């Protein structure tokens, strides 16, 4: 039951106050879906995995004209999904907390 608790639509804002929308589809231990952050194009989740109340996935990103990946790790607690993000080979980025969108 905890795994299906991760599925659905999650919304919030990043530290720059850009709206964030995550559509998460969970099948077994696999997570797929899409992520929209502010004015950026919607990204498709890759390498999505679910373990208990934790979800991890990567999204593509452009940095200085090079394609790289951001690794996301989310923890579900009290109906909030709190993510830590790390740029490939780089430092951890600001945390991001999303809440379940009204169904």
C-alpha atoms as a PDB file:
ATOM      1  CA  UNK A   1       0.000   0.000   0.000  1.00  0.00           C
ATOM      2  CA  UNK A   2       2.897   2.347   0.705  1.00  0.00           C
ATOM      3  CA  UNK A   3       4.132   1.989  -2.871  1.00  0.00           C
ATOM      4  CA  UNK A   4       0.837   3.047  -4.412  1.00  0.00           C
ATOM      5  CA  UNK A   5       1.018   5.998  -2.007  1.00  0.00           C
ATOM      6  CA  UNK A   6       3.782   7.446  -4.177  1.00  0.00           C
ATOM      7  CA  UNK A   7       1.753   7.322  -7.390  1.00  0.00           C
ATOM      8  CA  UNK A   8      -0.186  10.359  -8.536  1.00  0.00           C
ATOM      9  CA  UNK A   9       0.257  14.067  -9.069  1.00  0.00           C
ATOM     10  CA  UNK A  10       2.514  16.118  -6.784  1.00  0.00           C
ATOM     11  CA  UNK A  11       2.890  19.894  -6.850  1.00  0.00           C
ATOM     12  CA  UNK A  12       5.003  22.550  -5.187  1.00  0.00           C
ATOM     13  CA  UNK A  13       7.541  25.259  -5.948  1.00  0.00           C
ATOM     14  CA  UNK A  14      11.334  25.319  -6.113  1.00  0.00           C
ATOM     15  CA  UNK A  15      13.480  27.844  -4.272  1.00  0.00           C
ATOM     16  CA  UNK A  16      13.120  30.273  -7.210  1.00  0.00           C
ATOM     17  CA  UNK A  17       9.352  29.999  -6.773  1.00  0.00           C
ATOM     18  CA  UNK A  18       8.913  28.179 -10.089  1.00  0.00           C
ATOM     19  CA  UNK A  19       5.923  25.829 -10.029  1.00  0.00           C
ATOM     20  CA  UNK A  20       6.858  22.137  -9.960  1.00  0.00           C
ATOM     21  CA  UNK A  21       4.504  19.360 -11.108  1.00  0.00           C
ATOM     22  CA  UNK A  22       5.422  15.685 -10.847  1.00  0.00           C
ATOM     23  CA  UNK A  23       3.195  12.993 -12.359  1.00  0.00           C
ATOM     24  CA  UNK A  24       4.328   9.698 -10.890  1.00  0.00           C
ATOM     25  CA  UNK A  25       3.258   6.272 -12.185  1.00  0.00           C
ATOM     26  CA  UNK A  26       4.296   3.316 -10.037  1.00  0.00           C
ATOM     27  CA  UNK A  27       4.192  -0.289 -11.260  1.00  0.00           C
ATOM     28  CA  UNK A  28       5.791  -2.692  -8.811  1.00  0.00           C
ATOM     29  CA  UNK A  29       9.246  -1.300  -8.108  1.00  0.00           C
ATOM     30  CA  UNK A  30       9.385   0.778 -11.282  1.00  0.00           C
ATOM     31  CA  UNK A  31       8.521   4.470 -11.446  1.00  0.00           C
ATOM     32  CA  UNK A  32       7.761   6.403 -14.634  1.00  0.00           C
ATOM     33  CA  UNK A  33       6.116   9.714 -15.382  1.00  0.00           C
ATOM     34  CA  UNK A  34       6.878  13.342 -16.104  1.00  0.00           C
ATOM     35  CA  UNK A  35       8.284  16.356 -14.305  1.00  0.00           C
ATOM     36  CA  UNK A  36       7.651  20.021 -15.104  1.00  0.00           C
ATOM     37  CA  UNK A  37       9.675  22.780 -13.428  1.00  0.00           C
ATOM     38  CA  UNK A  38       8.810  26.393 -14.193  1.00  0.00           C
ATOM     39  CA  UNK A  39       9.319  27.469 -17.807  1.00  0.00           C
ATOM     40  CA  UNK A  40      11.461  24.420 -18.704  1.00  0.00           C
ATOM     41  CA  UNK A  41      10.059  21.802 -21.083  1.00  0.00           C
ATOM     42  CA  UNK A  42       8.363  18.823 -19.434  1.00  0.00           C
ATOM     43  CA  UNK A  43      10.883  16.035 -18.809  1.00  0.00           C
ATOM     44  CA  UNK A  44      10.311  12.285 -18.857  1.00  0.00           C
ATOM     45  CA  UNK A  45      11.569  10.407 -15.818  1.00  0.00           C
ATOM     46  CA  UNK A  46      14.297   7.818 -16.433  1.00  0.00           C
ATOM     47  CA  UNK A  47      15.738   5.007 -14.285  1.00  0.00           C
ATOM     48  CA  UNK A  48      12.791   5.269 -11.885  1.00  0.00           C
ATOM     49  CA  UNK A  49      12.823   2.933  -8.890  1.00  0.00           C
ATOM     50  CA  UNK A  50      10.592   2.583  -5.833  1.00  0.00           C
ATOM     51  CA  UNK A  51      11.653   1.045  -2.534  1.00  0.00           C
ATOM     52  CA  UNK A  52       9.087   1.358   0.235  1.00  0.00           C
ATOM     53  CA  UNK A  53       8.423   5.076   0.701  1.00  0.00           C
ATOM     54  CA  UNK A  54      11.449   6.179  -1.354  1.00  0.00           C
ATOM     55  CA  UNK A  55      11.459   6.967  -5.084  1.00  0.00           C
ATOM     56  CA  UNK A  56      14.532   7.707  -7.203  1.00  0.00           C
ATOM     57  CA  UNK A  57      14.801   8.787 -10.837  1.00  0.00           C
ATOM     58  CA  UNK A  58      16.865  10.915 -13.178  1.00  0.00           C
ATOM     59  CA  UNK A  59      15.915  13.755 -15.497  1.00  0.00           C
ATOM     60  CA  UNK A  60      17.975  15.241 -18.319  1.00  0.00           C
ATOM     61  CA  UNK A  61      19.409  18.734 -17.883  1.00  0.00           C
ATOM     62  CA  UNK A  62      21.480  21.134 -19.952  1.00  0.00           C
ATOM     63  CA  UNK A  63      24.439  22.703 -18.171  1.00  0.00           C
ATOM     64  CA  UNK A  64      26.804  25.009 -20.041  1.00  0.00           C
ATOM     65  CA  UNK A  65      25.622  23.564 -23.347  1.00  0.00           C
ATOM     66  CA  UNK A  66      26.234  19.953 -22.287  1.00  0.00           C
ATOM     67  CA  UNK A  67      23.586  17.345 -21.593  1.00  0.00           C
ATOM     68  CA  UNK A  68      23.827  15.909 -18.109  1.00  0.00           C
ATOM     69  CA  UNK A  69      21.445  14.303 -15.614  1.00  0.00           C
ATOM     70  CA  UNK A  70      19.909  15.282 -12.314  1.00  0.00           C
ATOM     71  CA  UNK A  71      19.379  12.449  -9.836  1.00  0.00           C
ATOM     72  CA  UNK A  72      16.275  12.835  -7.682  1.00  0.00           C
ATOM     73  CA  UNK A  73      15.646  10.986  -4.419  1.00  0.00           C
ATOM     74  CA  UNK A  74      12.256  11.467  -2.786  1.00  0.00           C
ATOM     75  CA  UNK A  75      11.021  10.356   0.595  1.00  0.00           C
ATOM     76  CA  UNK A  76       7.301  10.167   1.356  1.00  0.00           C
ATOM     77  CA  UNK A  77       6.399  11.370   4.842  1.00  0.00           C
ATOM     78  CA  UNK A  78       3.065  12.691   6.097  1.00  0.00           C
ATOM     79  CA  UNK A  79       1.676  13.050   2.568  1.00  0.00           C
ATOM     80  CA  UNK A  80       4.628  15.199   1.476  1.00  0.00           C
ATOM     81  CA  UNK A  81       7.259  14.025  -0.967  1.00  0.00           C
ATOM     82  CA  UNK A  82      10.597  15.647  -0.120  1.00  0.00           C
ATOM     83  CA  UNK A  83      13.353  15.400  -2.719  1.00  0.00           C
ATOM     84  CA  UNK A  84      17.086  15.820  -2.617  1.00  0.00           C
ATOM     85  CA  UNK A  85      18.630  16.475  -6.023  1.00  0.00           C
ATOM     86  CA  UNK A  86      22.152  16.054  -7.276  1.00  0.00           C
ATOM     87  CA  UNK A  87      23.646  17.164 -10.558  1.00  0.00           C
ATOM     88  CA  UNK A  88      25.722  14.399 -12.165  1.00  0.00           C
ATOM     89  CA  UNK A  89      29.133  14.509 -10.525  1.00  0.00           C
ATOM     90  CA  UNK A  90      28.220  17.704  -8.725  1.00  0.00           C
ATOM     91  CA  UNK A  91      27.027  18.998  -5.380  1.00  0.00           C
ATOM     92  CA  UNK A  92      23.611  18.394  -3.894  1.00  0.00           C
ATOM     93  CA  UNK A  93      21.066  20.994  -4.958  1.00  0.00           C
ATOM     94  CA  UNK A  94      18.401  22.612  -2.773  1.00  0.00           C
ATOM     95  CA  UNK A  95      15.787  20.261  -1.328  1.00  0.00           C
ATOM     96  CA  UNK A  96      12.314  20.314  -2.826  1.00  0.00           C
ATOM     97  CA  UNK A  97       9.088  19.423  -1.018  1.00  0.00           C
ATOM     98  CA  UNK A  98       5.941  18.554  -2.959  1.00  0.00           C
ATOM     99  CA  UNK A  99       2.431  17.900  -1.743  1.00  0.00           C
ATOM    100  CA  UNK A 100      -0.177  15.630  -3.238  1.00  0.00           C
ATOM    101  CA  UNK A 101      -2.400  17.491  -5.685  1.00  0.00           C
ATOM    102  CA  UNK A 102      -6.149  17.351  -5.181  1.00  0.00           C
ATOM    103  CA  UNK A 103      -7.570  14.373  -6.998  1.00  0.00           C
END
